[in-house]
């Protein structure tokens, strides 16, 4: 039996982990609270903040996950060129530019559908019936492919599979970022080894949508964020998460 098959046989689910707060917390939750053994997948798709990938692998190894792989999808980068997360000509917006926007420029076209499709194929080919991803209830902006409606509809499609239907789960889909942070702190997650900023520089920008959401969550629990920031907008601490 190949090393790939033998390692995957030890897994009882698949988890998509980006290296950000939500997916890393989900991974710790699956291992520590539910006693699961996830095979972990990350995706390299041309994102400006690809430094998150090394952190995803770090947590997978920390938790002794039976299999980790980062799939290189940079060939799909032209498909995502309209997104600020990928397109060189599209700047990362300030949170104040996107708050309330139903589909902000940080949205990556069909990204979650593509990632879930590939991860579901991986799970199905190894006889694993459950797939997890870290969707959460965004507070200041939102994406259609992180909603309960999206999850329900996609599971209806995958339920059509005649032999190995893969069920997709999102444990934090009704949780705010603050809820996720509370859960992770209780699990002992080291948030200094996660990355959220869309810019992907040495220091987090402190102003993009994901920085704003992260800073607001830490302010809500009364703790400093352990990652370094280039600047900090105290206005974020006033958001009610």
Protein backbone atom coordinates (compact mmCIF):
# COMPACT_ATOMS: atom_id res chain seq x y z
CA UNK A 1 0.00 0.00 0.00
CA UNK A 2 1.36 3.43 -0.90
CA UNK A 3 2.32 5.92 1.79
CA UNK A 4 -0.47 8.21 0.55
CA UNK A 5 -3.16 5.57 0.97
CA UNK A 6 -1.83 4.32 4.29
CA UNK A 7 -1.72 7.84 5.78
CA UNK A 8 -5.16 8.71 4.43
CA UNK A 9 -6.59 5.49 5.87
CA UNK A 10 -5.88 6.91 9.32
CA UNK A 11 -8.03 9.96 8.60
CA UNK A 12 -11.76 9.96 9.28
CA UNK A 13 -12.56 13.34 7.71
CA UNK A 14 -11.04 16.05 5.53
CA UNK A 15 -10.56 19.66 6.65
CA UNK A 16 -9.78 22.68 4.49
CA UNK A 17 -7.38 24.88 6.48
CA UNK A 18 -6.05 28.17 5.17
CA UNK A 19 -3.90 29.20 8.13
CA UNK A 20 -6.30 31.92 9.25
CA UNK A 21 -8.12 32.21 12.57
CA UNK A 22 -11.34 30.48 11.60
CA UNK A 23 -9.98 27.38 9.88
CA UNK A 24 -7.19 26.88 12.42
CA UNK A 25 -9.70 27.10 15.28
CA UNK A 26 -11.91 24.63 13.44
CA UNK A 27 -9.00 22.22 13.11
CA UNK A 28 -8.24 22.38 16.83
CA UNK A 29 -11.95 21.91 17.55
CA UNK A 30 -12.14 18.81 15.37
CA UNK A 31 -9.09 17.20 16.98
CA UNK A 32 -9.51 18.28 20.60
CA UNK A 33 -13.28 18.45 21.06
CA UNK A 34 -14.49 15.81 18.62
CA UNK A 35 -11.53 13.43 18.64
CA UNK A 36 -11.30 13.41 14.87
CA UNK A 37 -8.28 12.68 12.70
CA UNK A 38 -8.56 15.11 9.78
CA UNK A 39 -6.58 14.95 6.59
CA UNK A 40 -5.80 18.62 5.95
CA UNK A 41 -5.82 20.44 2.62
CA UNK A 42 -4.67 23.99 1.89
CA UNK A 43 -4.87 25.78 -1.46
CA UNK A 44 -2.29 28.01 -3.11
CA UNK A 45 -4.24 30.01 -5.67
CA UNK A 46 -2.14 33.12 -6.21
CA UNK A 47 -3.32 34.88 -3.05
CA UNK A 48 -1.24 37.82 -1.90
CA UNK A 49 -1.25 36.45 1.64
CA UNK A 50 0.15 33.02 0.78
CA UNK A 51 2.31 33.14 3.94
CA UNK A 52 -0.75 31.62 5.62
CA UNK A 53 -0.01 28.26 4.00
CA UNK A 54 3.05 27.52 6.14
CA UNK A 55 0.96 28.23 9.24
CA UNK A 56 -1.74 25.80 8.14
CA UNK A 57 0.90 23.10 7.79
CA UNK A 58 2.37 24.03 11.19
CA UNK A 59 -0.96 23.46 12.93
CA UNK A 60 -1.63 20.23 11.03
CA UNK A 61 1.72 18.88 12.21
CA UNK A 62 1.20 20.22 15.74
CA UNK A 63 -2.05 18.26 15.99
CA UNK A 64 -0.54 15.14 14.44
CA UNK A 65 -2.98 15.12 11.55
CA UNK A 66 -2.45 11.98 9.45
CA UNK A 67 -2.06 13.77 6.13
CA UNK A 68 -1.36 17.33 4.98
CA UNK A 69 -1.11 18.67 1.47
CA UNK A 70 -1.07 22.10 -0.14
CA UNK A 71 -2.57 21.98 -3.63
CA UNK A 72 -0.97 24.40 -6.08
CA UNK A 73 -3.73 26.06 -8.09
CA UNK A 74 -1.76 29.08 -9.24
CA UNK A 75 -2.59 28.14 -12.80
CA UNK A 76 -6.15 29.27 -12.02
CA UNK A 77 -5.00 32.74 -11.05
CA UNK A 78 -6.40 34.41 -14.23
CA UNK A 79 -9.87 33.18 -13.19
CA UNK A 80 -9.60 35.16 -9.96
CA UNK A 81 -8.04 38.35 -11.35
CA UNK A 82 -11.00 40.55 -10.39
CA UNK A 83 -10.41 39.83 -6.70
CA UNK A 84 -8.30 42.13 -4.55
CA UNK A 85 -6.83 39.02 -2.93
CA UNK A 86 -5.28 37.92 -6.24
CA UNK A 87 -5.33 40.65 -8.90
CA UNK A 88 -2.20 42.79 -8.89
CA UNK A 89 -4.15 45.72 -10.32
CA UNK A 90 -6.84 45.50 -7.60
CA UNK A 91 -5.78 47.08 -4.30
CA UNK A 92 -6.71 45.59 -0.95
CA UNK A 93 -9.56 47.80 0.33
CA UNK A 94 -9.90 49.47 3.70
CA UNK A 95 -12.67 48.03 5.87
CA UNK A 96 -14.57 51.31 5.65
CA UNK A 97 -14.78 50.86 1.88
CA UNK A 98 -16.49 47.47 2.06
CA UNK A 99 -18.61 47.46 5.22
CA UNK A 100 -22.13 46.56 4.15
CA UNK A 101 -21.09 45.54 0.63
CA UNK A 102 -22.85 42.24 -0.22
CA UNK A 103 -19.99 41.23 -2.54
CA UNK A 104 -16.85 43.28 -1.80
CA UNK A 105 -13.70 43.32 -3.98
CA UNK A 106 -12.08 40.84 -1.58
CA UNK A 107 -14.50 38.18 -2.84
CA UNK A 108 -12.71 35.53 -4.93
CA UNK A 109 -15.04 34.31 -7.72
CA UNK A 110 -16.32 30.81 -6.96
CA UNK A 111 -13.30 30.09 -4.73
CA UNK A 112 -15.12 28.13 -2.05
CA UNK A 113 -17.06 26.12 -4.61
CA UNK A 114 -13.83 25.16 -6.35
CA UNK A 115 -12.00 24.32 -3.13
CA UNK A 116 -14.88 22.29 -1.74
CA UNK A 117 -15.27 20.43 -5.02
CA UNK A 118 -11.61 19.40 -5.04
CA UNK A 119 -11.60 18.51 -1.35
CA UNK A 120 -14.80 16.49 -1.79
CA UNK A 121 -13.18 14.56 -4.64
CA UNK A 122 -10.19 13.87 -2.40
CA UNK A 123 -12.46 12.69 0.41
CA UNK A 124 -14.58 10.53 -1.87
CA UNK A 125 -11.61 8.86 -3.53
CA UNK A 126 -10.38 7.79 -0.09
CA UNK A 127 -13.77 6.72 1.27
CA UNK A 128 -14.08 9.61 3.74
CA UNK A 129 -17.64 10.87 4.16
CA UNK A 130 -17.20 14.23 5.94
CA UNK A 131 -15.56 17.44 4.79
CA UNK A 132 -15.13 20.52 7.00
CA UNK A 133 -14.46 24.16 6.15
CA UNK A 134 -14.18 27.26 8.29
CA UNK A 135 -17.09 29.43 7.19
CA UNK A 136 -18.23 31.85 9.87
CA UNK A 137 -20.83 34.62 10.16
CA UNK A 138 -18.92 37.66 8.93
CA UNK A 139 -19.83 40.73 10.91
CA UNK A 140 -18.66 43.65 8.81
CA UNK A 141 -18.93 42.22 5.31
CA UNK A 142 -19.88 38.89 3.81
CA UNK A 143 -19.61 36.31 1.08
CA UNK A 144 -22.42 34.24 -0.41
CA UNK A 145 -20.33 31.07 -0.31
CA UNK A 146 -20.02 31.13 3.48
CA UNK A 147 -23.76 31.22 4.17
CA UNK A 148 -26.00 28.49 5.60
CA UNK A 149 -28.01 28.60 2.37
CA UNK A 150 -24.90 27.85 0.31
CA UNK A 151 -23.94 24.98 2.60
CA UNK A 152 -27.41 23.46 2.52
CA UNK A 153 -27.67 23.70 -1.26
CA UNK A 154 -24.23 22.21 -1.85
CA UNK A 155 -25.00 19.28 0.43
CA UNK A 156 -28.16 18.62 -1.54
CA UNK A 157 -26.02 18.34 -4.67
CA UNK A 158 -23.45 16.04 -3.05
CA UNK A 159 -26.27 13.96 -1.62
CA UNK A 160 -26.96 12.82 -5.19
CA UNK A 161 -23.78 10.74 -5.14
CA UNK A 162 -24.80 7.09 -5.52
CA UNK A 163 -21.95 5.45 -3.63
CA UNK A 164 -19.94 7.80 -1.42
CA UNK A 165 -21.83 11.03 -0.72
CA UNK A 166 -19.59 13.53 1.03
CA UNK A 167 -21.30 15.68 3.64
CA UNK A 168 -19.86 19.18 4.04
CA UNK A 169 -19.91 20.72 7.51
CA UNK A 170 -19.05 24.18 8.82
CA UNK A 171 -19.04 24.07 12.65
CA UNK A 172 -18.77 27.85 13.00
CA UNK A 173 -21.15 28.95 10.27
CA UNK A 174 -23.44 30.63 12.82
CA UNK A 175 -20.54 31.97 14.93
CA UNK A 176 -19.14 35.47 14.83
CA UNK A 177 -15.39 36.05 14.82
CA UNK A 178 -15.60 36.75 18.55
CA UNK A 179 -17.41 33.44 19.11
CA UNK A 180 -14.67 31.66 17.15
CA UNK A 181 -11.97 33.42 19.17
CA UNK A 182 -13.63 32.44 22.47
CA UNK A 183 -13.75 28.83 21.28
CA UNK A 184 -10.13 28.88 20.20
CA UNK A 185 -8.85 30.45 23.40
CA UNK A 186 -10.62 27.72 25.38
CA UNK A 187 -8.82 25.18 23.17
CA UNK A 188 -5.43 26.79 23.71
CA UNK A 189 -4.96 27.92 20.10
CA UNK A 190 -1.84 30.04 19.61
CA UNK A 191 -3.16 32.88 17.46
CA UNK A 192 0.34 34.23 17.03
CA UNK A 193 0.78 31.35 14.59
CA UNK A 194 -2.18 32.30 12.40
CA UNK A 195 -2.39 34.93 9.69
CA UNK A 196 -5.36 36.97 8.51
CA UNK A 197 -4.18 40.12 6.73
CA UNK A 198 -4.98 40.12 3.03
CA UNK A 199 -1.85 42.10 2.15
CA UNK A 200 0.51 39.32 3.22
CA UNK A 201 3.38 41.60 4.21
CA UNK A 202 5.70 41.13 7.18
CA UNK A 203 3.35 43.21 9.35
CA UNK A 204 -0.45 43.00 9.20
CA UNK A 205 -1.91 46.18 7.72
CA UNK A 206 -4.50 46.69 10.46
CA UNK A 207 -7.03 48.21 8.06
CA UNK A 208 -8.20 45.56 5.58
CA UNK A 209 -11.51 43.77 6.20
CA UNK A 210 -10.04 40.67 7.78
CA UNK A 211 -7.66 42.68 9.99
CA UNK A 212 -10.59 44.81 11.13
CA UNK A 213 -12.68 41.78 12.00
CA UNK A 214 -9.80 40.14 13.82
CA UNK A 215 -8.88 43.26 15.80
CA UNK A 216 -12.50 43.80 16.77
CA UNK A 217 -12.74 40.23 18.05
CA UNK A 218 -9.66 40.57 20.21
CA UNK A 219 -10.94 43.90 21.52
CA UNK A 220 -14.26 42.24 22.37
CA UNK A 221 -12.55 39.60 24.52
CA UNK A 222 -10.23 42.17 26.10
CA UNK A 223 -6.97 40.74 24.78
CA UNK A 224 -4.26 42.10 22.47
CA UNK A 225 -3.81 40.38 19.14
CA UNK A 226 -0.43 38.57 19.29
CA UNK A 227 0.50 39.22 15.65
CA UNK A 228 2.38 42.44 14.74
CA UNK A 229 0.55 45.30 13.02
CA UNK A 230 1.80 48.18 10.90
CA UNK A 231 -0.99 50.38 12.19
CA UNK A 232 -4.06 50.05 14.31
CA UNK A 233 -7.40 51.81 13.96
CA UNK A 234 -8.94 52.00 17.44
CA UNK A 235 -12.34 52.48 15.77
CA UNK A 236 -12.47 48.73 15.22
CA UNK A 237 -12.68 48.12 18.97
CA UNK A 238 -16.10 49.77 18.96
CA UNK A 239 -17.70 47.26 16.58
CA UNK A 240 -20.11 44.98 18.41
CA UNK A 241 -19.28 41.42 17.40
